[in-house]
C-alpha cells in the first residue's frame, strides 16, 4: 500500500531534491530528455532506498508527454506532479526556449490534468523572470495563452521567433505565459478535486544556475543577489521544501497561484536578469 505516485519531470538537482523530499514510501516516476542524466539520477535515488521508475520524455512533443502521463497512471493514482524541466537563456536559442519552457509546460499541465487523482496536486517550476515581463497583453491574448489547446500554441502569431529579440526576452515571456496556463488549469483540476500552482525561482545553486552566473548577465545577477533580503544563492532543497508544502494537505486551499522563492529579489528589484532553473 502506498500513498500515490510522484511524477518528477526533470532529473536535475531540483527534480532529485523534490523526489528525495516527497518520494518516500511512494512510487516515483522520474522523467528527463537526457537519458544519461536520467539513468544517473534514478540510480542515485534507488541506492538511497526510493522506488524509482524512469522514462525519457521530450516535453515539447505531445506524443511523448502523453506517453509519460499514461505510464504514470499505470503505476497507480497520480497524486503528485512536479514539472522542473526547462531551459535558460544561457542554454538555448529562442526557438528551443519557446518549445520547452512554453509549449512544454502547456503540454504537461494538459496531459497530467487528465490523469491526476482526486486530492492530487501539481507544481510547475518557473523562473522569476516572468514577473518582469512588461509588455501588456490584451484580454484576447491572455485568453489565448490560458485556453488554447497546447498543441495549437505554436500556431499563434505572437509566438513566432521573430517577435523575440533575444533568448532572455523569450524566456521571460515563456515563464509569464506558463503562469497564465497554470491559473487556467486550476479551474479544470478543481473539478477533479485537484490543485496546481507555480513556484518562481531566483538564482539556484545548480549547474544551470552556475552557468548563468558565469555568462554575460553574471555580474548583474551577483549584484542583485547582494542587495536581496536573503543575499545568497538558493538551493535545490529550498525549492523542494516549497514544493512539499504546495503538494501537501496543509496547502489544500491554495491553487492557481505563484510562490516566489527567490530570496526576496523580485520584491526589491525591477531589473533582475532572467533567473535560471
C-alpha atoms as a PDB file:
ATOM      1  CA  UNK A   1       0.000   0.000   0.000  1.00  0.00           C
ATOM      2  CA  UNK A   2       1.421   3.369  -0.997  1.00  0.00           C
ATOM      3  CA  UNK A   3       0.250   6.952  -0.934  1.00  0.00           C
ATOM      4  CA  UNK A   4       0.072   7.674  -4.659  1.00  0.00           C
ATOM      5  CA  UNK A   5       2.571   8.226  -7.443  1.00  0.00           C
ATOM      6  CA  UNK A   6       5.028  11.118  -7.573  1.00  0.00           C
ATOM      7  CA  UNK A   7       5.999  12.228 -11.080  1.00  0.00           C
ATOM      8  CA  UNK A   8       9.147  14.360 -11.250  1.00  0.00           C
ATOM      9  CA  UNK A   9       9.728  15.760 -14.732  1.00  0.00           C
ATOM     10  CA  UNK A  10      13.333  16.884 -14.957  1.00  0.00           C
ATOM     11  CA  UNK A  11      16.093  14.806 -13.369  1.00  0.00           C
ATOM     12  CA  UNK A  12      18.366  17.694 -12.428  1.00  0.00           C
ATOM     13  CA  UNK A  13      19.136  18.992  -8.969  1.00  0.00           C
ATOM     14  CA  UNK A  14      15.655  20.324  -8.244  1.00  0.00           C
ATOM     15  CA  UNK A  15      13.845  17.253  -9.561  1.00  0.00           C
ATOM     16  CA  UNK A  16      16.033  14.979  -7.467  1.00  0.00           C
ATOM     17  CA  UNK A  17      15.618  17.140  -4.358  1.00  0.00           C
ATOM     18  CA  UNK A  18      11.834  17.012  -4.716  1.00  0.00           C
ATOM     19  CA  UNK A  19      11.944  13.244  -5.207  1.00  0.00           C
ATOM     20  CA  UNK A  20      14.020  12.780  -2.062  1.00  0.00           C
ATOM     21  CA  UNK A  21      11.765  15.022  -0.007  1.00  0.00           C
ATOM     22  CA  UNK A  22       8.357  13.878  -1.272  1.00  0.00           C
ATOM     23  CA  UNK A  23       9.015  10.405  -2.675  1.00  0.00           C
ATOM     24  CA  UNK A  24       9.428   8.360   0.499  1.00  0.00           C
ATOM     25  CA  UNK A  25       7.003   5.439   0.598  1.00  0.00           C
ATOM     26  CA  UNK A  26       5.550   6.005  -2.859  1.00  0.00           C
ATOM     27  CA  UNK A  27       6.411   5.081  -6.454  1.00  0.00           C
ATOM     28  CA  UNK A  28       8.496   7.787  -8.117  1.00  0.00           C
ATOM     29  CA  UNK A  29       8.402   8.218 -11.883  1.00  0.00           C
ATOM     30  CA  UNK A  30      11.424  10.240 -12.932  1.00  0.00           C
ATOM     31  CA  UNK A  31      11.499  11.705 -16.446  1.00  0.00           C
ATOM     32  CA  UNK A  32      14.045  13.625 -18.467  1.00  0.00           C
ATOM     33  CA  UNK A  33      15.091  14.156 -22.080  1.00  0.00           C
ATOM     34  CA  UNK A  34      18.733  13.313 -21.314  1.00  0.00           C
ATOM     35  CA  UNK A  35      18.977   9.538 -20.989  1.00  0.00           C
ATOM     36  CA  UNK A  36      22.359   9.568 -19.237  1.00  0.00           C
ATOM     37  CA  UNK A  37      21.273  12.106 -16.638  1.00  0.00           C
ATOM     38  CA  UNK A  38      18.040  10.191 -16.111  1.00  0.00           C
ATOM     39  CA  UNK A  39      19.879   6.919 -15.532  1.00  0.00           C
ATOM     40  CA  UNK A  40      22.335   8.510 -13.117  1.00  0.00           C
ATOM     41  CA  UNK A  41      19.630  10.269 -11.121  1.00  0.00           C
ATOM     42  CA  UNK A  42      17.443   7.175 -10.979  1.00  0.00           C
ATOM     43  CA  UNK A  43      20.351   5.075  -9.791  1.00  0.00           C
ATOM     44  CA  UNK A  44      21.189   7.531  -7.012  1.00  0.00           C
ATOM     45  CA  UNK A  45      17.624   7.538  -5.775  1.00  0.00           C
ATOM     46  CA  UNK A  46      17.322   3.758  -5.936  1.00  0.00           C
ATOM     47  CA  UNK A  47      20.519   3.356  -3.923  1.00  0.00           C
ATOM     48  CA  UNK A  48      19.029   5.716  -1.353  1.00  0.00           C
ATOM     49  CA  UNK A  49      16.034   3.412  -0.974  1.00  0.00           C
ATOM     50  CA  UNK A  50      13.455   5.018  -3.257  1.00  0.00           C
ATOM     51  CA  UNK A  51      11.133   3.055  -5.558  1.00  0.00           C
ATOM     52  CA  UNK A  52      12.011   4.621  -8.903  1.00  0.00           C
ATOM     53  CA  UNK A  53      10.872   4.131 -12.481  1.00  0.00           C
ATOM     54  CA  UNK A  54      12.367   6.172 -15.299  1.00  0.00           C
ATOM     55  CA  UNK A  55      11.152   7.282 -18.704  1.00  0.00           C
ATOM     56  CA  UNK A  56      12.663   9.548 -21.306  1.00  0.00           C
ATOM     57  CA  UNK A  57      10.442  12.438 -22.304  1.00  0.00           C
ATOM     58  CA  UNK A  58      10.588  15.308 -24.738  1.00  0.00           C
ATOM     59  CA  UNK A  59       8.294  17.864 -23.118  1.00  0.00           C
ATOM     60  CA  UNK A  60       7.877  19.696 -26.431  1.00  0.00           C
ATOM     61  CA  UNK A  61       6.375  16.563 -28.030  1.00  0.00           C
ATOM     62  CA  UNK A  62       2.643  15.949 -27.474  1.00  0.00           C
ATOM     63  CA  UNK A  63       3.055  12.210 -28.059  1.00  0.00           C
ATOM     64  CA  UNK A  64       5.969  11.939 -25.635  1.00  0.00           C
ATOM     65  CA  UNK A  65       4.201  13.818 -22.834  1.00  0.00           C
ATOM     66  CA  UNK A  66       1.012  11.798 -23.382  1.00  0.00           C
ATOM     67  CA  UNK A  67       3.017   8.574 -23.131  1.00  0.00           C
ATOM     68  CA  UNK A  68       4.547   9.744 -19.852  1.00  0.00           C
ATOM     69  CA  UNK A  69       1.126  10.528 -18.409  1.00  0.00           C
ATOM     70  CA  UNK A  70      -0.117   7.057 -19.395  1.00  0.00           C
ATOM     71  CA  UNK A  71       2.927   5.457 -17.785  1.00  0.00           C
ATOM     72  CA  UNK A  72       2.331   7.396 -14.592  1.00  0.00           C
ATOM     73  CA  UNK A  73      -1.338   6.401 -14.436  1.00  0.00           C
ATOM     74  CA  UNK A  74      -0.317   2.775 -14.915  1.00  0.00           C
ATOM     75  CA  UNK A  75       1.754   2.902 -11.728  1.00  0.00           C
ATOM     76  CA  UNK A  76      -1.187   3.911  -9.552  1.00  0.00           C
ATOM     77  CA  UNK A  77      -3.125   7.034  -8.543  1.00  0.00           C
ATOM     78  CA  UNK A  78      -1.142  10.081  -9.675  1.00  0.00           C
ATOM     79  CA  UNK A  79      -1.202  12.327  -6.628  1.00  0.00           C
ATOM     80  CA  UNK A  80       1.940  14.460  -7.011  1.00  0.00           C
ATOM     81  CA  UNK A  81       3.314  16.011 -10.212  1.00  0.00           C
ATOM     82  CA  UNK A  82       6.305  18.337 -10.262  1.00  0.00           C
ATOM     83  CA  UNK A  83       7.461  19.804 -13.564  1.00  0.00           C
ATOM     84  CA  UNK A  84      11.026  21.124 -13.327  1.00  0.00           C
ATOM     85  CA  UNK A  85      12.250  20.716 -16.921  1.00  0.00           C
ATOM     86  CA  UNK A  86      13.253  23.913 -18.666  1.00  0.00           C
ATOM     87  CA  UNK A  87      15.945  25.855 -20.498  1.00  0.00           C
ATOM     88  CA  UNK A  88      17.567  29.119 -19.513  1.00  0.00           C
ATOM     89  CA  UNK A  89      18.778  31.888 -21.857  1.00  0.00           C
ATOM     90  CA  UNK A  90      22.377  30.721 -21.469  1.00  0.00           C
ATOM     91  CA  UNK A  91      21.460  27.236 -22.654  1.00  0.00           C
ATOM     92  CA  UNK A  92      19.304  27.699 -25.717  1.00  0.00           C
ATOM     93  CA  UNK A  93      18.039  29.903 -28.504  1.00  0.00           C
ATOM     94  CA  UNK A  94      14.598  31.471 -28.841  1.00  0.00           C
ATOM     95  CA  UNK A  95      13.092  28.505 -30.665  1.00  0.00           C
ATOM     96  CA  UNK A  96      14.168  25.964 -28.066  1.00  0.00           C
ATOM     97  CA  UNK A  97      13.035  28.123 -25.145  1.00  0.00           C
ATOM     98  CA  UNK A  98       9.574  28.570 -26.648  1.00  0.00           C
ATOM     99  CA  UNK A  99       9.352  24.837 -27.340  1.00  0.00           C
ATOM    100  CA  UNK A 100      10.433  23.673 -23.893  1.00  0.00           C
ATOM    101  CA  UNK A 101       9.520  26.444 -21.463  1.00  0.00           C
ATOM    102  CA  UNK A 102       6.244  27.498 -23.055  1.00  0.00           C
ATOM    103  CA  UNK A 103       4.832  24.601 -25.081  1.00  0.00           C
ATOM    104  CA  UNK A 104       6.340  22.034 -22.706  1.00  0.00           C
ATOM    105  CA  UNK A 105       4.597  23.498 -19.670  1.00  0.00           C
ATOM    106  CA  UNK A 106       1.275  23.646 -21.517  1.00  0.00           C
ATOM    107  CA  UNK A 107       1.541  20.015 -22.647  1.00  0.00           C
ATOM    108  CA  UNK A 108       2.467  18.728 -19.189  1.00  0.00           C
ATOM    109  CA  UNK A 109      -0.332  20.669 -17.498  1.00  0.00           C
ATOM    110  CA  UNK A 110      -2.854  19.496 -20.085  1.00  0.00           C
ATOM    111  CA  UNK A 111      -1.909  15.806 -20.164  1.00  0.00           C
ATOM    112  CA  UNK A 112      -1.446  15.335 -16.435  1.00  0.00           C
ATOM    113  CA  UNK A 113      -4.635  17.267 -15.808  1.00  0.00           C
ATOM    114  CA  UNK A 114      -6.411  14.281 -17.345  1.00  0.00           C
ATOM    115  CA  UNK A 115      -4.823  11.656 -15.080  1.00  0.00           C
ATOM    116  CA  UNK A 116      -4.273  13.386 -11.728  1.00  0.00           C
ATOM    117  CA  UNK A 117      -6.167  11.747  -8.898  1.00  0.00           C
ATOM    118  CA  UNK A 118      -8.808  13.282  -6.671  1.00  0.00           C
ATOM    119  CA  UNK A 119      -6.915  15.079  -3.943  1.00  0.00           C
ATOM    120  CA  UNK A 120      -3.788  15.313  -6.068  1.00  0.00           C
ATOM    121  CA  UNK A 121      -1.638  18.364  -6.691  1.00  0.00           C
ATOM    122  CA  UNK A 122       0.836  19.674  -9.210  1.00  0.00           C
ATOM    123  CA  UNK A 123       3.654  22.206  -9.109  1.00  0.00           C
ATOM    124  CA  UNK A 124       5.257  23.828 -12.139  1.00  0.00           C
ATOM    125  CA  UNK A 125       8.712  25.279 -11.579  1.00  0.00           C
ATOM    126  CA  UNK A 126       9.072  28.611 -13.363  1.00  0.00           C
ATOM    127  CA  UNK A 127      11.577  31.453 -13.394  1.00  0.00           C
ATOM    128  CA  UNK A 128      11.136  34.761 -11.618  1.00  0.00           C
ATOM    129  CA  UNK A 129      11.916  36.447 -14.959  1.00  0.00           C
ATOM    130  CA  UNK A 130       8.226  36.013 -15.731  1.00  0.00           C
ATOM    131  CA  UNK A 131       7.457  38.647 -13.110  1.00  0.00           C
ATOM    132  CA  UNK A 132       9.429  41.171 -15.141  1.00  0.00           C
ATOM    133  CA  UNK A 133       7.656  40.589 -18.434  1.00  0.00           C
ATOM    134  CA  UNK A 134       6.461  44.102 -19.119  1.00  0.00           C
ATOM    135  CA  UNK A 135       4.607  44.026 -22.437  1.00  0.00           C
ATOM    136  CA  UNK A 136       0.898  44.428 -21.727  1.00  0.00           C
ATOM    137  CA  UNK A 137      -1.284  41.698 -23.166  1.00  0.00           C
ATOM    138  CA  UNK A 138      -4.795  42.300 -24.383  1.00  0.00           C
ATOM    139  CA  UNK A 139      -7.660  40.372 -22.856  1.00  0.00           C
ATOM    140  CA  UNK A 140      -7.818  38.250 -26.007  1.00  0.00           C
ATOM    141  CA  UNK A 141      -4.095  37.476 -25.874  1.00  0.00           C
ATOM    142  CA  UNK A 142      -4.394  36.410 -22.237  1.00  0.00           C
ATOM    143  CA  UNK A 143      -7.376  34.221 -23.110  1.00  0.00           C
ATOM    144  CA  UNK A 144      -5.419  32.542 -25.882  1.00  0.00           C
ATOM    145  CA  UNK A 145      -2.443  31.808 -23.620  1.00  0.00           C
ATOM    146  CA  UNK A 146      -4.729  30.358 -20.999  1.00  0.00           C
ATOM    147  CA  UNK A 147      -7.200  28.329 -23.015  1.00  0.00           C
ATOM    148  CA  UNK A 148      -5.976  27.398 -26.478  1.00  0.00           C
ATOM    149  CA  UNK A 149      -5.179  23.646 -26.704  1.00  0.00           C
ATOM    150  CA  UNK A 150      -1.486  23.131 -26.047  1.00  0.00           C
ATOM    151  CA  UNK A 151      -0.818  21.601 -29.462  1.00  0.00           C
ATOM    152  CA  UNK A 152      -2.101  24.777 -31.134  1.00  0.00           C
ATOM    153  CA  UNK A 153       0.165  27.186 -29.250  1.00  0.00           C
ATOM    154  CA  UNK A 154       2.931  27.170 -31.905  1.00  0.00           C
ATOM    155  CA  UNK A 155       0.402  28.470 -34.445  1.00  0.00           C
ATOM    156  CA  UNK A 156      -0.208  31.727 -32.574  1.00  0.00           C
ATOM    157  CA  UNK A 157       1.352  34.695 -34.406  1.00  0.00           C
ATOM    158  CA  UNK A 158       2.645  36.185 -31.156  1.00  0.00           C
ATOM    159  CA  UNK A 159       4.815  33.107 -30.626  1.00  0.00           C
ATOM    160  CA  UNK A 160       6.817  33.456 -33.820  1.00  0.00           C
ATOM    161  CA  UNK A 161      10.554  33.572 -33.220  1.00  0.00           C
ATOM    162  CA  UNK A 162      10.922  36.927 -34.955  1.00  0.00           C
ATOM    163  CA  UNK A 163       8.904  38.563 -32.184  1.00  0.00           C
ATOM    164  CA  UNK A 164      11.686  37.967 -29.653  1.00  0.00           C
ATOM    165  CA  UNK A 165      14.930  39.896 -29.827  1.00  0.00           C
ATOM    166  CA  UNK A 166      16.862  37.507 -27.588  1.00  0.00           C
ATOM    167  CA  UNK A 167      16.625  34.222 -25.683  1.00  0.00           C
ATOM    168  CA  UNK A 168      16.221  36.251 -22.490  1.00  0.00           C
ATOM    169  CA  UNK A 169      13.161  38.005 -23.826  1.00  0.00           C
ATOM    170  CA  UNK A 170      11.644  34.701 -24.959  1.00  0.00           C
ATOM    171  CA  UNK A 171      12.398  33.213 -21.551  1.00  0.00           C
ATOM    172  CA  UNK A 172      10.622  35.978 -19.643  1.00  0.00           C
ATOM    173  CA  UNK A 173       7.597  35.660 -21.897  1.00  0.00           C
ATOM    174  CA  UNK A 174       7.534  31.866 -21.572  1.00  0.00           C
ATOM    175  CA  UNK A 175       7.650  31.990 -17.781  1.00  0.00           C
ATOM    176  CA  UNK A 176       4.858  34.570 -17.695  1.00  0.00           C
ATOM    177  CA  UNK A 177       2.720  32.560 -20.121  1.00  0.00           C
ATOM    178  CA  UNK A 178       3.281  29.414 -18.075  1.00  0.00           C
ATOM    179  CA  UNK A 179       1.837  31.104 -15.008  1.00  0.00           C
ATOM    180  CA  UNK A 180      -1.247  32.081 -17.010  1.00  0.00           C
ATOM    181  CA  UNK A 181      -1.600  28.464 -18.119  1.00  0.00           C
ATOM    182  CA  UNK A 182      -1.454  27.193 -14.567  1.00  0.00           C
ATOM    183  CA  UNK A 183      -4.014  29.747 -13.408  1.00  0.00           C
ATOM    184  CA  UNK A 184      -6.452  28.497 -16.025  1.00  0.00           C
ATOM    185  CA  UNK A 185      -5.698  24.846 -15.286  1.00  0.00           C
ATOM    186  CA  UNK A 186      -6.637  25.378 -11.648  1.00  0.00           C
ATOM    187  CA  UNK A 187     -10.259  25.597 -12.761  1.00  0.00           C
ATOM    188  CA  UNK A 188     -10.394  22.270 -14.576  1.00  0.00           C
ATOM    189  CA  UNK A 189      -8.298  20.488 -11.964  1.00  0.00           C
ATOM    190  CA  UNK A 190     -10.632  21.790  -9.287  1.00  0.00           C
ATOM    191  CA  UNK A 191     -13.412  19.817 -10.957  1.00  0.00           C
ATOM    192  CA  UNK A 192     -11.301  16.693 -10.361  1.00  0.00           C
ATOM    193  CA  UNK A 193     -10.624  17.641  -6.747  1.00  0.00           C
ATOM    194  CA  UNK A 194      -7.014  18.509  -7.564  1.00  0.00           C
ATOM    195  CA  UNK A 195      -4.846  21.628  -7.335  1.00  0.00           C
ATOM    196  CA  UNK A 196      -1.955  23.213  -9.237  1.00  0.00           C
ATOM    197  CA  UNK A 197       0.447  26.085  -8.536  1.00  0.00           C
ATOM    198  CA  UNK A 198       3.744  27.515  -9.741  1.00  0.00           C
ATOM    199  CA  UNK A 199       6.985  28.257  -7.943  1.00  0.00           C
ATOM    200  CA  UNK A 200       9.051  31.095  -9.419  1.00  0.00           C
ATOM    201  CA  UNK A 201      12.751  30.671  -8.778  1.00  0.00           C
ATOM    202  CA  UNK A 202      15.541  33.057  -8.090  1.00  0.00           C
ATOM    203  CA  UNK A 203      19.132  32.039  -8.805  1.00  0.00           C
ATOM    204  CA  UNK A 204      19.600  28.452  -7.660  1.00  0.00           C
ATOM    205  CA  UNK A 205      22.897  26.657  -6.993  1.00  0.00           C
ATOM    206  CA  UNK A 206      22.517  24.081  -9.758  1.00  0.00           C
ATOM    207  CA  UNK A 207      24.811  23.576 -12.771  1.00  0.00           C
ATOM    208  CA  UNK A 208      22.401  25.700 -14.807  1.00  0.00           C
ATOM    209  CA  UNK A 209      22.454  28.463 -12.236  1.00  0.00           C
ATOM    210  CA  UNK A 210      26.225  28.421 -12.084  1.00  0.00           C
ATOM    211  CA  UNK A 211      26.395  28.619 -15.883  1.00  0.00           C
ATOM    212  CA  UNK A 212      24.167  31.693 -15.817  1.00  0.00           C
ATOM    213  CA  UNK A 213      26.407  33.319 -13.219  1.00  0.00           C
ATOM    214  CA  UNK A 214      29.370  32.667 -15.494  1.00  0.00           C
ATOM    215  CA  UNK A 215      27.546  34.101 -18.510  1.00  0.00           C
ATOM    216  CA  UNK A 216      27.042  37.637 -19.823  1.00  0.00           C
ATOM    217  CA  UNK A 217      24.463  38.520 -17.138  1.00  0.00           C
ATOM    218  CA  UNK A 218      26.516  37.063 -14.303  1.00  0.00           C
ATOM    219  CA  UNK A 219      27.761  40.358 -12.869  1.00  0.00           C
ATOM    220  CA  UNK A 220      24.255  41.839 -12.766  1.00  0.00           C
ATOM    221  CA  UNK A 221      22.880  38.686 -11.195  1.00  0.00           C
ATOM    222  CA  UNK A 222      25.554  38.715  -8.475  1.00  0.00           C
ATOM    223  CA  UNK A 223      24.793  42.367  -7.808  1.00  0.00           C
ATOM    224  CA  UNK A 224      21.098  41.527  -7.474  1.00  0.00           C
ATOM    225  CA  UNK A 225      21.893  38.733  -5.047  1.00  0.00           C
ATOM    226  CA  UNK A 226      23.962  41.152  -2.980  1.00  0.00           C
ATOM    227  CA  UNK A 227      21.027  43.514  -2.493  1.00  0.00           C
ATOM    228  CA  UNK A 228      18.412  40.818  -1.834  1.00  0.00           C
ATOM    229  CA  UNK A 229      16.903  40.475   1.654  1.00  0.00           C
ATOM    230  CA  UNK A 230      18.343  36.932   1.703  1.00  0.00           C
ATOM    231  CA  UNK A 231      21.710  37.538  -0.003  1.00  0.00           C
ATOM    232  CA  UNK A 232      22.680  34.056  -1.121  1.00  0.00           C
ATOM    233  CA  UNK A 233      22.077  31.518  -3.849  1.00  0.00           C
ATOM    234  CA  UNK A 234      19.036  29.345  -3.419  1.00  0.00           C
ATOM    235  CA  UNK A 235      19.465  25.596  -3.139  1.00  0.00           C
ATOM    236  CA  UNK A 236      17.505  22.725  -4.678  1.00  0.00           C
ATOM    237  CA  UNK A 237      16.393  21.902  -1.133  1.00  0.00           C
ATOM    238  CA  UNK A 238      14.857  25.374  -0.775  1.00  0.00           C
ATOM    239  CA  UNK A 239      12.692  24.631  -3.793  1.00  0.00           C
ATOM    240  CA  UNK A 240      11.895  21.107  -2.671  1.00  0.00           C
ATOM    241  CA  UNK A 241      10.659  22.423   0.683  1.00  0.00           C
ATOM    242  CA  UNK A 242       8.339  24.870  -1.076  1.00  0.00           C
ATOM    243  CA  UNK A 243       7.115  22.138  -3.421  1.00  0.00           C
ATOM    244  CA  UNK A 244       6.447  19.808  -0.493  1.00  0.00           C
ATOM    245  CA  UNK A 245       4.267  22.463   1.096  1.00  0.00           C
ATOM    246  CA  UNK A 246       2.260  23.167  -2.071  1.00  0.00           C
ATOM    247  CA  UNK A 247       1.787  19.469  -2.763  1.00  0.00           C
ATOM    248  CA  UNK A 248       0.660  18.692   0.763  1.00  0.00           C
ATOM    249  CA  UNK A 249      -2.646  18.783   2.591  1.00  0.00           C
ATOM    250  CA  UNK A 250      -1.736  21.926   4.527  1.00  0.00           C
ATOM    251  CA  UNK A 251      -1.902  23.816   1.211  1.00  0.00           C
ATOM    252  CA  UNK A 252      -5.337  22.436   0.428  1.00  0.00           C
ATOM    253  CA  UNK A 253      -6.844  25.926   0.000  1.00  0.00           C
ATOM    254  CA  UNK A 254      -4.089  27.117  -2.368  1.00  0.00           C
ATOM    255  CA  UNK A 255      -4.421  26.697  -6.128  1.00  0.00           C
ATOM    256  CA  UNK A 256      -3.838  28.727  -9.268  1.00  0.00           C
ATOM    257  CA  UNK A 257      -1.214  30.922  -7.655  1.00  0.00           C
ATOM    258  CA  UNK A 258       2.526  31.531  -7.734  1.00  0.00           C
ATOM    259  CA  UNK A 259       5.022  31.292  -4.888  1.00  0.00           C
ATOM    260  CA  UNK A 260       8.199  33.332  -5.322  1.00  0.00           C
ATOM    261  CA  UNK A 261      11.212  31.532  -3.873  1.00  0.00           C
ATOM    262  CA  UNK A 262      13.960  33.979  -4.778  1.00  0.00           C
ATOM    263  CA  UNK A 263      15.417  35.361  -1.570  1.00  0.00           C
ATOM    264  CA  UNK A 264      13.321  38.491  -1.986  1.00  0.00           C
ATOM    265  CA  UNK A 265      14.948  39.689  -5.241  1.00  0.00           C
ATOM    266  CA  UNK A 266      11.665  40.327  -7.005  1.00  0.00           C
ATOM    267  CA  UNK A 267      10.374  42.294  -4.035  1.00  0.00           C
ATOM    268  CA  UNK A 268      13.162  44.842  -4.241  1.00  0.00           C
ATOM    269  CA  UNK A 269      14.293  44.904  -7.861  1.00  0.00           C
ATOM    270  CA  UNK A 270      12.699  45.910 -11.127  1.00  0.00           C
ATOM    271  CA  UNK A 271      15.547  44.941 -13.446  1.00  0.00           C
ATOM    272  CA  UNK A 272      16.571  41.449 -12.304  1.00  0.00           C
ATOM    273  CA  UNK A 273      18.065  39.467 -15.225  1.00  0.00           C
ATOM    274  CA  UNK A 274      16.267  36.244 -16.226  1.00  0.00           C
ATOM    275  CA  UNK A 275      16.665  33.677 -13.450  1.00  0.00           C
ATOM    276  CA  UNK A 276      17.707  30.129 -14.375  1.00  0.00           C
ATOM    277  CA  UNK A 277      16.163  26.858 -13.325  1.00  0.00           C
END
